[in-house]
PDB file of all heavy atoms in Angstrom:
ATOM      1  N   VAL A   1      16.613   4.195   3.485  1.00  0.00           N
ATOM      2  CA  VAL A   1      16.264   3.511   4.802  1.00  0.00           C
ATOM      3  C   VAL A   1      17.264   2.418   5.010  1.00  0.00           C
ATOM      4  O   VAL A   1      17.705   2.204   6.228  1.00  0.00           O
ATOM      5  CB  VAL A   1      14.830   3.060   4.778  1.00  0.00           C
ATOM      6  CG1 VAL A   1      14.476   2.110   5.967  1.00  0.00           C
ATOM      7  CG2 VAL A   1      13.877   4.223   4.901  1.00  0.00           C
ATOM      8  N   THR A   2      17.513   1.610   3.959  1.00  0.00           N
ATOM      9  CA  THR A   2      18.471   0.503   4.137  1.00  0.00           C
ATOM     10  C   THR A   2      19.943   1.100   4.526  1.00  0.00           C
ATOM     11  O   THR A   2      20.508   0.495   5.317  1.00  0.00           O
ATOM     12  CB  THR A   2      18.616  -0.199   2.785  1.00  0.00           C
ATOM     13  OG1 THR A   2      17.340  -0.778   2.470  1.00  0.00           O
ATOM     14  CG2 THR A   2      19.585  -1.397   2.773  1.00  0.00           C
ATOM     15  N   VAL A   3      20.341   2.159   3.897  1.00  0.00           N
ATOM     16  CA  VAL A   3      21.550   2.697   4.296  1.00  0.00           C
ATOM     17  C   VAL A   3      21.629   3.136   5.707  1.00  0.00           C
ATOM     18  O   VAL A   3      22.639   2.799   6.429  1.00  0.00           O
ATOM     19  CB  VAL A   3      21.874   4.035   3.331  1.00  0.00           C
ATOM     20  CG1 VAL A   3      23.098   4.763   3.856  1.00  0.00           C
ATOM     21  CG2 VAL A   3      22.165   3.544   1.973  1.00  0.00           C
ATOM     22  N   VAL A   4      20.636   3.777   6.203  1.00  0.00           N
ATOM     23  CA  VAL A   4      20.531   4.245   7.643  1.00  0.00           C
ATOM     24  C   VAL A   4      20.580   3.057   8.518  1.00  0.00           C
ATOM     25  O   VAL A   4      21.287   3.024   9.492  1.00  0.00           O
ATOM     26  CB  VAL A   4      19.302   5.241   7.778  1.00  0.00           C
ATOM     27  CG1 VAL A   4      19.203   5.438   9.317  1.00  0.00           C
ATOM     28  CG2 VAL A   4      19.539   6.564   7.066  1.00  0.00           C
ATOM     29  N   ASN A   5      19.848   1.993   8.260  1.00  0.00           N
ATOM     30  CA  ASN A   5      19.721   0.772   8.977  1.00  0.00           C
ATOM     31  C   ASN A   5      21.133   0.120   9.055  1.00  0.00           C
ATOM     32  O   ASN A   5      21.643  -0.293  10.100  1.00  0.00           O
ATOM     33  CB  ASN A   5      18.758  -0.149   8.579  1.00  0.00           C
ATOM     34  CG  ASN A   5      17.280   0.236   8.848  1.00  0.00           C
ATOM     35  OD1 ASN A   5      17.072   1.043   9.705  1.00  0.00           O
ATOM     36  ND2 ASN A   5      16.370  -0.229   7.988  1.00  0.00           N
ATOM     37  N   ASP A   6      21.867   0.206   7.909  1.00  0.00           N
ATOM     38  CA  ASP A   6      23.203  -0.333   7.995  1.00  0.00           C
ATOM     39  C   ASP A   6      24.213   0.446   8.781  1.00  0.00           C
ATOM     40  O   ASP A   6      25.033  -0.054   9.455  1.00  0.00           O
ATOM     41  CB  ASP A   6      23.752  -0.388   6.490  1.00  0.00           C
ATOM     42  CG  ASP A   6      23.079  -1.454   5.539  1.00  0.00           C
ATOM     43  OD1 ASP A   6      22.363  -2.305   6.252  1.00  0.00           O
ATOM     44  OD2 ASP A   6      23.305  -1.424   4.326  1.00  0.00           O
ATOM     45  N   TRP A   7      24.050   1.809   8.788  1.00  0.00           N
ATOM     46  CA  TRP A   7      24.781   2.643   9.603  1.00  0.00           C
ATOM     47  C   TRP A   7      24.549   2.298  11.109  1.00  0.00           C
ATOM     48  O   TRP A   7      25.530   2.211  11.754  1.00  0.00           O
ATOM     49  CB  TRP A   7      24.393   4.087   9.422  1.00  0.00           C
ATOM     50  CG  TRP A   7      24.918   4.741   8.110  1.00  0.00           C
ATOM     51  CD1 TRP A   7      25.977   4.152   7.286  1.00  0.00           C
ATOM     52  CD2 TRP A   7      24.539   5.893   7.484  1.00  0.00           C
ATOM     53  NE1 TRP A   7      26.039   5.037   6.148  1.00  0.00           N
ATOM     54  CE2 TRP A   7      25.261   6.109   6.329  1.00  0.00           C
ATOM     55  CE3 TRP A   7      23.471   6.811   7.809  1.00  0.00           C
ATOM     56  CZ2 TRP A   7      25.030   7.156   5.423  1.00  0.00           C
ATOM     57  CZ3 TRP A   7      23.272   7.936   6.970  1.00  0.00           C
ATOM     58  CH2 TRP A   7      24.017   8.099   5.834  1.00  0.00           C
ATOM     59  N   VAL A   8      23.315   2.100  11.472  1.00  0.00           N
ATOM     60  CA  VAL A   8      22.956   1.733  12.777  1.00  0.00           C
ATOM     61  C   VAL A   8      23.621   0.453  13.205  1.00  0.00           C
ATOM     62  O   VAL A   8      24.268   0.357  14.286  1.00  0.00           O
ATOM     63  CB  VAL A   8      21.396   1.668  12.992  1.00  0.00           C
ATOM     64  CG1 VAL A   8      21.121   1.078  14.421  1.00  0.00           C
ATOM     65  CG2 VAL A   8      20.766   3.069  12.906  1.00  0.00           C
ATOM     66  N   ASP A   9      23.560  -0.537  12.325  1.00  0.00           N
ATOM     67  CA  ASP A   9      24.178  -1.892  12.574  1.00  0.00           C
ATOM     68  C   ASP A   9      25.697  -1.669  12.683  1.00  0.00           C
ATOM     69  O   ASP A   9      26.353  -2.355  13.508  1.00  0.00           O
ATOM     70  CB  ASP A   9      23.874  -2.789  11.463  1.00  0.00           C
ATOM     71  CG  ASP A   9      22.408  -3.382  11.448  1.00  0.00           C
ATOM     72  OD1 ASP A   9      21.746  -3.162  12.465  1.00  0.00           O
ATOM     73  OD2 ASP A   9      21.948  -3.894  10.441  1.00  0.00           O
ATOM     74  N   LEU A  10      26.384  -0.836  11.813  1.00  0.00           N
ATOM     75  CA  LEU A  10      27.810  -0.594  11.895  1.00  0.00           C
ATOM     76  C   LEU A  10      28.100   0.023  13.291  1.00  0.00           C
ATOM     77  O   LEU A  10      29.197  -0.433  13.947  1.00  0.00           O
ATOM     78  CB  LEU A  10      28.076   0.452  10.784  1.00  0.00           C
ATOM     79  CG  LEU A  10      29.695   0.788  10.869  1.00  0.00           C
ATOM     80  CD1 LEU A  10      30.457  -0.336  10.353  1.00  0.00           C
ATOM     81  CD2 LEU A  10      29.737   2.053   9.887  1.00  0.00           C
ATOM     82  N   TYR A  11      27.355   1.007  13.757  1.00  0.00           N
ATOM     83  CA  TYR A  11      27.578   1.520  15.076  1.00  0.00           C
ATOM     84  C   TYR A  11      27.494   0.537  16.163  1.00  0.00           C
ATOM     85  O   TYR A  11      28.334   0.567  17.133  1.00  0.00           O
ATOM     86  CB  TYR A  11      26.771   2.885  15.315  1.00  0.00           C
ATOM     87  CG  TYR A  11      27.336   4.005  14.682  1.00  0.00           C
ATOM     88  CD1 TYR A  11      27.509   4.320  13.346  1.00  0.00           C
ATOM     89  CD2 TYR A  11      27.851   5.035  15.624  1.00  0.00           C
ATOM     90  CE1 TYR A  11      28.011   5.345  12.907  1.00  0.00           C
ATOM     91  CE2 TYR A  11      28.512   6.140  15.108  1.00  0.00           C
ATOM     92  CZ  TYR A  11      28.593   6.363  13.758  1.00  0.00           C
ATOM     93  OH  TYR A  11      29.170   7.520  13.202  1.00  0.00           O
ATOM     94  N   ILE A  12      26.466  -0.304  16.139  1.00  0.00           N
ATOM     95  CA  ILE A  12      26.231  -1.289  17.113  1.00  0.00           C
ATOM     96  C   ILE A  12      27.414  -2.269  17.190  1.00  0.00           C
ATOM     97  O   ILE A  12      27.942  -2.582  18.308  1.00  0.00           O
ATOM     98  CB  ILE A  12      24.846  -1.982  16.870  1.00  0.00           C
ATOM     99  CG1 ILE A  12      23.746  -1.087  16.981  1.00  0.00           C
ATOM    100  CG2 ILE A  12      24.745  -3.279  17.812  1.00  0.00           C
ATOM    101  CD1 ILE A  12      23.453  -0.490  18.394  1.00  0.00           C
ATOM    102  N   ASN A  13      27.840  -2.718  16.048  1.00  0.00           N
ATOM    103  CA  ASN A  13      28.976  -3.569  15.967  1.00  0.00           C
ATOM    104  C   ASN A  13      30.302  -2.990  16.424  1.00  0.00           C
ATOM    105  O   ASN A  13      31.134  -3.636  16.998  1.00  0.00           O
ATOM    106  CB  ASN A  13      29.064  -4.179  14.512  1.00  0.00           C
ATOM    107  CG  ASN A  13      28.022  -5.243  14.243  1.00  0.00           C
ATOM    108  OD1 ASN A  13      27.480  -5.898  15.045  1.00  0.00           O
ATOM    109  ND2 ASN A  13      27.621  -5.237  12.866  1.00  0.00           N
ATOM    110  N   TYR A  14      30.362  -1.675  16.190  1.00  0.00           N
ATOM    111  CA  TYR A  14      31.634  -1.054  16.539  1.00  0.00           C
ATOM    112  C   TYR A  14      31.656  -0.892  18.118  1.00  0.00           C
ATOM    113  O   TYR A  14      32.749  -1.082  18.747  1.00  0.00           O
ATOM    114  CB  TYR A  14      31.672   0.428  15.967  1.00  0.00           C
ATOM    115  CG  TYR A  14      32.858   1.288  16.477  1.00  0.00           C
ATOM    116  CD1 TYR A  14      34.097   1.049  15.965  1.00  0.00           C
ATOM    117  CD2 TYR A  14      32.586   2.210  17.480  1.00  0.00           C
ATOM    118  CE1 TYR A  14      35.264   1.776  16.531  1.00  0.00           C
ATOM    119  CE2 TYR A  14      33.668   2.972  17.874  1.00  0.00           C
ATOM    120  CZ  TYR A  14      34.987   2.735  17.497  1.00  0.00           C
ATOM    121  OH  TYR A  14      36.081   3.441  17.973  1.00  0.00           O
ATOM    122  N   TYR A  15      30.454  -0.506  18.665  1.00  0.00           N
ATOM    123  CA  TYR A  15      30.534  -0.353  20.170  1.00  0.00           C
ATOM    124  C   TYR A  15      30.338  -1.623  20.983  1.00  0.00           C
ATOM    125  O   TYR A  15      30.577  -1.682  22.132  1.00  0.00           O
ATOM    126  CB  TYR A  15      29.438   0.682  20.530  1.00  0.00           C
ATOM    127  CG  TYR A  15      29.819   2.077  20.175  1.00  0.00           C
ATOM    128  CD1 TYR A  15      29.265   2.795  19.155  1.00  0.00           C
ATOM    129  CD2 TYR A  15      30.813   2.766  21.014  1.00  0.00           C
ATOM    130  CE1 TYR A  15      29.706   4.132  18.817  1.00  0.00           C
ATOM    131  CE2 TYR A  15      31.309   4.020  20.708  1.00  0.00           C
ATOM    132  CZ  TYR A  15      30.699   4.713  19.614  1.00  0.00           C
ATOM    133  OH  TYR A  15      31.143   5.940  19.335  1.00  0.00           O
ATOM    134  N   LYS A  16      29.911  -2.672  20.437  1.00  0.00           N
ATOM    135  CA  LYS A  16      29.585  -3.948  21.120  1.00  0.00           C
ATOM    136  C   LYS A  16      30.769  -4.378  21.954  1.00  0.00           C
ATOM    137  O   LYS A  16      30.662  -4.719  23.124  1.00  0.00           O
ATOM    138  CB  LYS A  16      29.049  -4.955  20.172  1.00  0.00           C
ATOM    139  CG  LYS A  16      28.704  -6.238  20.835  1.00  0.00           C
ATOM    140  CD  LYS A  16      28.040  -7.224  19.762  1.00  0.00           C
ATOM    141  CE  LYS A  16      27.464  -8.375  20.414  1.00  0.00           C
ATOM    142  NZ  LYS A  16      26.921  -9.300  19.485  1.00  0.00           N
ATOM    143  N   PRO A  17      32.011  -4.509  21.365  1.00  0.00           N
ATOM    144  CA  PRO A  17      33.126  -4.864  22.242  1.00  0.00           C
ATOM    145  C   PRO A  17      33.432  -3.960  23.411  1.00  0.00           C
ATOM    146  O   PRO A  17      34.133  -4.385  24.360  1.00  0.00           O
ATOM    147  CB  PRO A  17      34.331  -4.983  21.352  1.00  0.00           C
ATOM    148  CG  PRO A  17      33.733  -4.777  19.908  1.00  0.00           C
ATOM    149  CD  PRO A  17      32.392  -4.146  20.000  1.00  0.00           C
ATOM    150  N   GLN A  18      33.010  -2.672  23.337  1.00  0.00           N
ATOM    151  CA  GLN A  18      33.313  -1.767  24.442  1.00  0.00           C
ATOM    152  C   GLN A  18      32.268  -1.805  25.604  1.00  0.00           C
ATOM    153  O   GLN A  18      32.563  -1.167  26.576  1.00  0.00           O
ATOM    154  CB  GLN A  18      33.402  -0.314  23.803  1.00  0.00           C
ATOM    155  CG  GLN A  18      34.522  -0.257  22.748  1.00  0.00           C
ATOM    156  CD  GLN A  18      34.392   1.027  22.053  1.00  0.00           C
ATOM    157  OE1 GLN A  18      34.413   2.068  22.633  1.00  0.00           O
ATOM    158  NE2 GLN A  18      34.297   1.073  20.695  1.00  0.00           N
ATOM    159  N   VAL A  19      31.138  -2.483  25.300  1.00  0.00           N
ATOM    160  CA  VAL A  19      30.162  -2.569  26.440  1.00  0.00           C
ATOM    161  C   VAL A  19      30.630  -3.418  27.675  1.00  0.00           C
ATOM    162  O   VAL A  19      31.227  -4.462  27.369  1.00  0.00           O
ATOM    163  CB  VAL A  19      28.841  -3.088  25.831  1.00  0.00           C
ATOM    164  CG1 VAL A  19      27.701  -3.210  26.916  1.00  0.00           C
ATOM    165  CG2 VAL A  19      28.304  -2.093  24.728  1.00  0.00           C
ATOM    166  N   THR A  20      30.320  -2.884  28.835  1.00  0.00           N
ATOM    167  CA  THR A  20      30.787  -3.654  29.982  1.00  0.00           C
ATOM    168  C   THR A  20      29.573  -4.243  30.768  1.00  0.00           C
ATOM    169  O   THR A  20      28.418  -3.956  30.540  1.00  0.00           O
ATOM    170  CB  THR A  20      31.536  -2.687  30.858  1.00  0.00           C
ATOM    171  OG1 THR A  20      30.642  -1.701  31.391  1.00  0.00           O
ATOM    172  CG2 THR A  20      32.897  -2.047  30.216  1.00  0.00           C
ATOM    173  N   GLY A  21      30.016  -5.103  31.682  1.00  0.00           N
ATOM    174  CA  GLY A  21      28.925  -5.690  32.592  1.00  0.00           C
ATOM    175  C   GLY A  21      28.549  -7.088  32.180  1.00  0.00           C
ATOM    176  O   GLY A  21      29.207  -7.713  31.299  1.00  0.00           O
ATOM    177  N   GLU A  22      27.618  -7.565  32.989  1.00  0.00           N
ATOM    178  CA  GLU A  22      27.030  -8.963  32.736  1.00  0.00           C
ATOM    179  C   GLU A  22      26.293  -8.952  31.375  1.00  0.00           C
ATOM    180  O   GLU A  22      26.014  -7.905  30.821  1.00  0.00           O
ATOM    181  CB  GLU A  22      26.137  -9.404  33.811  1.00  0.00           C
ATOM    182  CG  GLU A  22      26.641  -9.415  35.193  1.00  0.00           C
ATOM    183  CD  GLU A  22      27.631 -10.538  35.333  1.00  0.00           C
ATOM    184  OE1 GLU A  22      27.407 -11.606  34.772  1.00  0.00           O
ATOM    185  OE2 GLU A  22      28.587 -10.353  36.085  1.00  0.00           O
ATOM    186  N   GLN A  23      26.042 -10.094  30.800  1.00  0.00           N
ATOM    187  CA  GLN A  23      25.428 -10.219  29.480  1.00  0.00           C
ATOM    188  C   GLN A  23      24.063  -9.550  29.431  1.00  0.00           C
ATOM    189  O   GLN A  23      23.783  -8.883  28.432  1.00  0.00           O
ATOM    190  CB  GLN A  23      25.156 -11.739  29.220  1.00  0.00           C
ATOM    191  CG  GLN A  23      24.705 -11.996  27.753  1.00  0.00           C
ATOM    192  CD  GLN A  23      25.706 -11.513  26.776  1.00  0.00           C
ATOM    193  OE1 GLN A  23      26.864 -11.851  26.838  1.00  0.00           O
ATOM    194  NE2 GLN A  23      25.279 -10.707  25.728  1.00  0.00           N
ATOM    195  N   GLN A  24      23.275  -9.572  30.420  1.00  0.00           N
ATOM    196  CA  GLN A  24      22.033  -8.894  30.425  1.00  0.00           C
ATOM    197  C   GLN A  24      22.228  -7.366  30.414  1.00  0.00           C
ATOM    198  O   GLN A  24      21.475  -6.678  29.612  1.00  0.00           O
ATOM    199  CB  GLN A  24      21.198  -9.261  31.726  1.00  0.00           C
ATOM    200  CG  GLN A  24      19.820  -8.612  31.724  1.00  0.00           C
ATOM    201  CD  GLN A  24      19.062  -8.970  33.003  1.00  0.00           C
ATOM    202  OE1 GLN A  24      19.582  -9.679  33.935  1.00  0.00           O
ATOM    203  NE2 GLN A  24      17.793  -8.574  32.971  1.00  0.00           N
ATOM    204  N   GLU A  25      23.193  -6.813  31.100  1.00  0.00           N
ATOM    205  CA  GLU A  25      23.568  -5.423  30.983  1.00  0.00           C
ATOM    206  C   GLU A  25      24.014  -5.077  29.565  1.00  0.00           C
ATOM    207  O   GLU A  25      23.633  -4.040  29.087  1.00  0.00           O
ATOM    208  CB  GLU A  25      24.672  -5.169  32.003  1.00  0.00           C
ATOM    209  CG  GLU A  25      25.391  -3.761  31.889  1.00  0.00           C
ATOM    210  CD  GLU A  25      24.655  -2.660  32.477  1.00  0.00           C
ATOM    211  OE1 GLU A  25      23.707  -2.886  33.289  1.00  0.00           O
ATOM    212  OE2 GLU A  25      25.046  -1.472  32.175  1.00  0.00           O
ATOM    213  N   GLN A  26      24.848  -5.918  29.064  1.00  0.00           N
ATOM    214  CA  GLN A  26      25.385  -5.617  27.673  1.00  0.00           C
ATOM    215  C   GLN A  26      24.205  -5.527  26.657  1.00  0.00           C
ATOM    216  O   GLN A  26      24.159  -4.652  25.745  1.00  0.00           O
ATOM    217  CB  GLN A  26      26.371  -6.598  27.344  1.00  0.00           C
ATOM    218  CG  GLN A  26      27.665  -6.563  28.101  1.00  0.00           C
ATOM    219  CD  GLN A  26      28.650  -7.697  27.661  1.00  0.00           C
ATOM    220  OE1 GLN A  26      28.612  -8.294  26.646  1.00  0.00           O
ATOM    221  NE2 GLN A  26      29.566  -7.988  28.665  1.00  0.00           N
ATOM    222  N   ASP A  27      23.304  -6.615  26.730  1.00  0.00           N
ATOM    223  CA  ASP A  27      22.178  -6.654  25.880  1.00  0.00           C
ATOM    224  C   ASP A  27      21.311  -5.356  26.034  1.00  0.00           C
ATOM    225  O   ASP A  27      20.863  -4.866  25.044  1.00  0.00           O
ATOM    226  CB  ASP A  27      21.306  -7.900  26.114  1.00  0.00           C
ATOM    227  CG  ASP A  27      22.086  -9.156  25.846  1.00  0.00           C
ATOM    228  OD1 ASP A  27      23.088  -9.083  25.092  1.00  0.00           O
ATOM    229  OD2 ASP A  27      21.594 -10.202  26.230  1.00  0.00           O
ATOM    230  N   ARG A  28      21.004  -5.003  27.289  1.00  0.00           N
ATOM    231  CA  ARG A  28      20.203  -3.774  27.447  1.00  0.00           C
ATOM    232  C   ARG A  28      20.848  -2.548  26.962  1.00  0.00           C
ATOM    233  O   ARG A  28      20.136  -1.671  26.409  1.00  0.00           O
ATOM    234  CB  ARG A  28      19.909  -3.623  29.023  1.00  0.00           C
ATOM    235  CG  ARG A  28      18.817  -4.534  29.494  1.00  0.00           C
ATOM    236  CD  ARG A  28      18.494  -4.387  30.935  1.00  0.00           C
ATOM    237  NE  ARG A  28      18.151  -2.994  31.360  1.00  0.00           N
ATOM    238  CZ  ARG A  28      18.840  -2.324  32.304  1.00  0.00           C
ATOM    239  NH1 ARG A  28      19.760  -2.985  33.019  1.00  0.00           N
ATOM    240  NH2 ARG A  28      18.575  -0.985  32.514  1.00  0.00           N
ATOM    241  N   THR A  29      22.190  -2.410  27.061  1.00  0.00           N
ATOM    242  CA  THR A  29      22.991  -1.247  26.771  1.00  0.00           C
ATOM    243  C   THR A  29      22.817  -1.210  25.092  1.00  0.00           C
ATOM    244  O   THR A  29      22.598  -0.148  24.500  1.00  0.00           O
ATOM    245  CB  THR A  29      24.328  -1.321  27.163  1.00  0.00           C
ATOM    246  OG1 THR A  29      24.381  -1.346  28.553  1.00  0.00           O
ATOM    247  CG2 THR A  29      25.225  -0.219  26.487  1.00  0.00           C
ATOM    248  N   LEU A  30      23.112  -2.260  24.476  1.00  0.00           N
ATOM    249  CA  LEU A  30      23.054  -2.292  22.944  1.00  0.00           C
ATOM    250  C   LEU A  30      21.621  -2.156  22.481  1.00  0.00           C
ATOM    251  O   LEU A  30      21.481  -1.389  21.410  1.00  0.00           O
ATOM    252  CB  LEU A  30      23.634  -3.663  22.477  1.00  0.00           C
ATOM    253  CG  LEU A  30      25.111  -3.882  22.744  1.00  0.00           C
ATOM    254  CD1 LEU A  30      25.429  -5.260  22.246  1.00  0.00           C
ATOM    255  CD2 LEU A  30      25.929  -2.826  21.924  1.00  0.00           C
ATOM    256  N   GLN A  31      20.645  -2.560  23.150  1.00  0.00           N
ATOM    257  CA  GLN A  31      19.254  -2.302  22.715  1.00  0.00           C
ATOM    258  C   GLN A  31      18.990  -0.811  22.863  1.00  0.00           C
ATOM    259  O   GLN A  31      18.260  -0.200  22.018  1.00  0.00           O
ATOM    260  CB  GLN A  31      18.323  -3.117  23.681  1.00  0.00           C
ATOM    261  CG  GLN A  31      16.893  -2.941  23.346  1.00  0.00           C
ATOM    262  CD  GLN A  31      15.987  -3.772  24.206  1.00  0.00           C
ATOM    263  OE1 GLN A  31      16.387  -4.319  25.183  1.00  0.00           O
ATOM    264  NE2 GLN A  31      14.693  -3.799  23.930  1.00  0.00           N
ATOM    265  N   GLU A  32      19.422  -0.247  23.962  1.00  0.00           N
ATOM    266  CA  GLU A  32      19.138   1.248  24.162  1.00  0.00           C
ATOM    267  C   GLU A  32      19.862   2.013  23.096  1.00  0.00           C
ATOM    268  O   GLU A  32      19.358   3.017  22.655  1.00  0.00           O
ATOM    269  CB  GLU A  32      19.520   1.597  25.640  1.00  0.00           C
ATOM    270  CG  GLU A  32      19.131   3.009  25.949  1.00  0.00           C
ATOM    271  CD  GLU A  32      19.274   3.422  27.337  1.00  0.00           C
ATOM    272  OE1 GLU A  32      19.105   2.557  28.250  1.00  0.00           O
ATOM    273  OE2 GLU A  32      19.525   4.637  27.645  1.00  0.00           O
ATOM    274  N   LEU A  33      21.083   1.615  22.911  1.00  0.00           N
ATOM    275  CA  LEU A  33      21.878   2.287  21.799  1.00  0.00           C
ATOM    276  C   LEU A  33      21.169   2.256  20.523  1.00  0.00           C
ATOM    277  O   LEU A  33      21.027   3.293  19.815  1.00  0.00           O
ATOM    278  CB  LEU A  33      23.346   1.800  21.749  1.00  0.00           C
ATOM    279  CG  LEU A  33      24.219   2.345  20.672  1.00  0.00           C
ATOM    280  CD1 LEU A  33      24.298   3.863  20.789  1.00  0.00           C
ATOM    281  CD2 LEU A  33      25.477   1.676  20.621  1.00  0.00           C
ATOM    282  N   ARG A  34      20.722   1.139  20.227  1.00  0.00           N
ATOM    283  CA  ARG A  34      20.030   0.983  18.863  1.00  0.00           C
ATOM    284  C   ARG A  34      18.783   1.792  18.859  1.00  0.00           C
ATOM    285  O   ARG A  34      18.506   2.498  17.806  1.00  0.00           O
ATOM    286  CB  ARG A  34      19.624  -0.623  18.676  1.00  0.00           C
ATOM    287  CG  ARG A  34      18.902  -0.798  17.351  1.00  0.00           C
ATOM    288  CD  ARG A  34      18.611  -2.180  17.098  1.00  0.00           C
ATOM    289  NE  ARG A  34      19.790  -2.993  16.967  1.00  0.00           N
ATOM    290  CZ  ARG A  34      20.592  -3.193  15.835  1.00  0.00           C
ATOM    291  NH1 ARG A  34      20.098  -2.462  14.746  1.00  0.00           N
ATOM    292  NH2 ARG A  34      21.575  -3.848  15.838  1.00  0.00           N
ATOM    293  N   GLN A  35      18.020   1.842  19.948  1.00  0.00           N
ATOM    294  CA  GLN A  35      16.791   2.699  19.989  1.00  0.00           C
ATOM    295  C   GLN A  35      17.173   4.185  19.852  1.00  0.00           C
ATOM    296  O   GLN A  35      16.473   4.902  19.104  1.00  0.00           O
ATOM    297  CB  GLN A  35      16.093   2.436  21.301  1.00  0.00           C
ATOM    298  CG  GLN A  35      14.862   3.249  21.393  1.00  0.00           C
ATOM    299  CD  GLN A  35      13.739   2.859  20.344  1.00  0.00           C
ATOM    300  OE1 GLN A  35      13.544   1.736  20.071  1.00  0.00           O
ATOM    301  NE2 GLN A  35      13.142   3.812  19.685  1.00  0.00           N
ATOM    302  N   GLU A  36      18.213   4.589  20.474  1.00  0.00           N
ATOM    303  CA  GLU A  36      18.498   5.937  20.429  1.00  0.00           C
ATOM    304  C   GLU A  36      19.048   6.349  18.956  1.00  0.00           C
ATOM    305  O   GLU A  36      18.708   7.455  18.459  1.00  0.00           O
ATOM    306  CB  GLU A  36      19.657   6.321  21.460  1.00  0.00           C
ATOM    307  CG  GLU A  36      19.263   6.192  22.855  1.00  0.00           C
ATOM    308  CD  GLU A  36      18.181   7.276  23.270  1.00  0.00           C
ATOM    309  OE1 GLU A  36      17.978   8.270  22.460  1.00  0.00           O
ATOM    310  OE2 GLU A  36      17.604   7.089  24.341  1.00  0.00           O
ATOM    311  N   LEU A  37      19.849   5.520  18.377  1.00  0.00           N
ATOM    312  CA  LEU A  37      20.154   5.768  16.996  1.00  0.00           C
ATOM    313  C   LEU A  37      19.082   5.737  16.025  1.00  0.00           C
ATOM    314  O   LEU A  37      18.949   6.581  15.163  1.00  0.00           O
ATOM    315  CB  LEU A  37      21.358   4.716  16.580  1.00  0.00           C
ATOM    316  CG  LEU A  37      22.593   4.689  17.438  1.00  0.00           C
ATOM    317  CD1 LEU A  37      23.539   3.740  16.725  1.00  0.00           C
ATOM    318  CD2 LEU A  37      23.285   6.112  17.384  1.00  0.00           C
ATOM    319  N   ASN A  38      18.105   4.915  16.234  1.00  0.00           N
ATOM    320  CA  ASN A  38      16.852   4.892  15.405  1.00  0.00           C
ATOM    321  C   ASN A  38      16.113   6.174  15.653  1.00  0.00           C
ATOM    322  O   ASN A  38      15.586   6.699  14.714  1.00  0.00           O
ATOM    323  CB  ASN A  38      16.023   3.671  15.723  1.00  0.00           C
ATOM    324  CG  ASN A  38      16.595   2.383  15.125  1.00  0.00           C
ATOM    325  OD1 ASN A  38      17.257   2.349  14.078  1.00  0.00           O
ATOM    326  ND2 ASN A  38      16.296   1.275  15.688  1.00  0.00           N
ATOM    327  N   ASN A  39      16.008   6.569  16.825  1.00  0.00           N
ATOM    328  CA  ASN A  39      15.397   7.921  17.250  1.00  0.00           C
ATOM    329  C   ASN A  39      16.047   9.074  16.455  1.00  0.00           C
ATOM    330  O   ASN A  39      15.333   9.964  15.996  1.00  0.00           O
ATOM    331  CB  ASN A  39      15.310   8.140  18.685  1.00  0.00           C
ATOM    332  CG  ASN A  39      14.451   7.195  19.335  1.00  0.00           C
ATOM    333  OD1 ASN A  39      13.584   6.512  18.817  1.00  0.00           O
ATOM    334  ND2 ASN A  39      14.671   7.140  20.710  1.00  0.00           N
ATOM    335  N   LEU A  40      17.371   9.086  16.449  1.00  0.00           N
ATOM    336  CA  LEU A  40      18.105  10.101  15.729  1.00  0.00           C
ATOM    337  C   LEU A  40      17.926  10.083  14.214  1.00  0.00           C
ATOM    338  O   LEU A  40      17.904  11.123  13.621  1.00  0.00           O
ATOM    339  CB  LEU A  40      19.504   9.989  16.098  1.00  0.00           C
ATOM    340  CG  LEU A  40      20.014  10.536  17.524  1.00  0.00           C
ATOM    341  CD1 LEU A  40      21.442  10.134  17.665  1.00  0.00           C
ATOM    342  CD2 LEU A  40      19.893  11.952  17.684  1.00  0.00           C
ATOM    343  N   SER A  41      17.780   8.806  13.728  1.00  0.00           N
ATOM    344  CA  SER A  41      17.686   8.711  12.208  1.00  0.00           C
ATOM    345  C   SER A  41      16.193   9.176  11.777  1.00  0.00           C
ATOM    346  O   SER A  41      16.103   9.441  10.532  1.00  0.00           O
ATOM    347  CB  SER A  41      18.044   7.346  11.797  1.00  0.00           C
ATOM    348  OG  SER A  41      17.105   6.425  12.263  1.00  0.00           O
ATOM    349  N   ALA A  42      15.253   9.071  12.533  1.00  0.00           N
ATOM    350  CA  ALA A  42      13.835   9.426  12.095  1.00  0.00           C
ATOM    351  C   ALA A  42      13.772  10.850  11.489  1.00  0.00           C
ATOM    352  O   ALA A  42      13.287  10.898  10.347  1.00  0.00           O
ATOM    353  CB  ALA A  42      12.895   9.171  13.153  1.00  0.00           C
ATOM    354  N   PRO A  43      14.235  11.821  12.154  1.00  0.00           N
ATOM    355  CA  PRO A  43      14.149  13.139  11.549  1.00  0.00           C
ATOM    356  C   PRO A  43      15.030  13.246  10.239  1.00  0.00           C
ATOM    357  O   PRO A  43      14.636  13.951   9.302  1.00  0.00           O
ATOM    358  CB  PRO A  43      14.784  14.141  12.589  1.00  0.00           C
ATOM    359  CG  PRO A  43      14.644  13.371  13.763  1.00  0.00           C
ATOM    360  CD  PRO A  43      14.742  11.883  13.541  1.00  0.00           C
ATOM    361  N   PHE A  44      16.141  12.618  10.176  1.00  0.00           N
ATOM    362  CA  PHE A  44      16.955  12.517   9.020  1.00  0.00           C
ATOM    363  C   PHE A  44      16.270  11.940   7.811  1.00  0.00           C
ATOM    364  O   PHE A  44      16.245  12.480   6.787  1.00  0.00           O
ATOM    365  CB  PHE A  44      18.246  11.792   9.242  1.00  0.00           C
ATOM    366  CG  PHE A  44      19.055  11.486   8.007  1.00  0.00           C
ATOM    367  CD1 PHE A  44      19.874  12.551   7.464  1.00  0.00           C
ATOM    368  CD2 PHE A  44      18.945  10.278   7.433  1.00  0.00           C
ATOM    369  CE1 PHE A  44      20.644  12.282   6.348  1.00  0.00           C
ATOM    370  CE2 PHE A  44      19.698  10.062   6.249  1.00  0.00           C
ATOM    371  CZ  PHE A  44      20.573  11.019   5.749  1.00  0.00           C
ATOM    372  N   LEU A  45      15.568  10.856   8.105  1.00  0.00           N
ATOM    373  CA  LEU A  45      14.803  10.153   7.030  1.00  0.00           C
ATOM    374  C   LEU A  45      13.558  11.037   6.653  1.00  0.00           C
ATOM    375  O   LEU A  45      13.249  11.120   5.427  1.00  0.00           O
ATOM    376  CB  LEU A  45      14.293   8.811   7.450  1.00  0.00           C
ATOM    377  CG  LEU A  45      15.467   7.769   7.552  1.00  0.00           C
ATOM    378  CD1 LEU A  45      14.899   6.486   8.212  1.00  0.00           C
ATOM    379  CD2 LEU A  45      16.139   7.537   6.247  1.00  0.00           C
TER     380      LEU A  45
END
């Protein structure tokens, strides 16, 4: 679980500089990305 959470954090940090828009848009995008990655990791776990 820790490894998978670290992978999610790695992906968030990798994509963060590529997110566009106002700060609120960026925050929502990263939140949605985190949620989607967590959703993908559930069946794996």
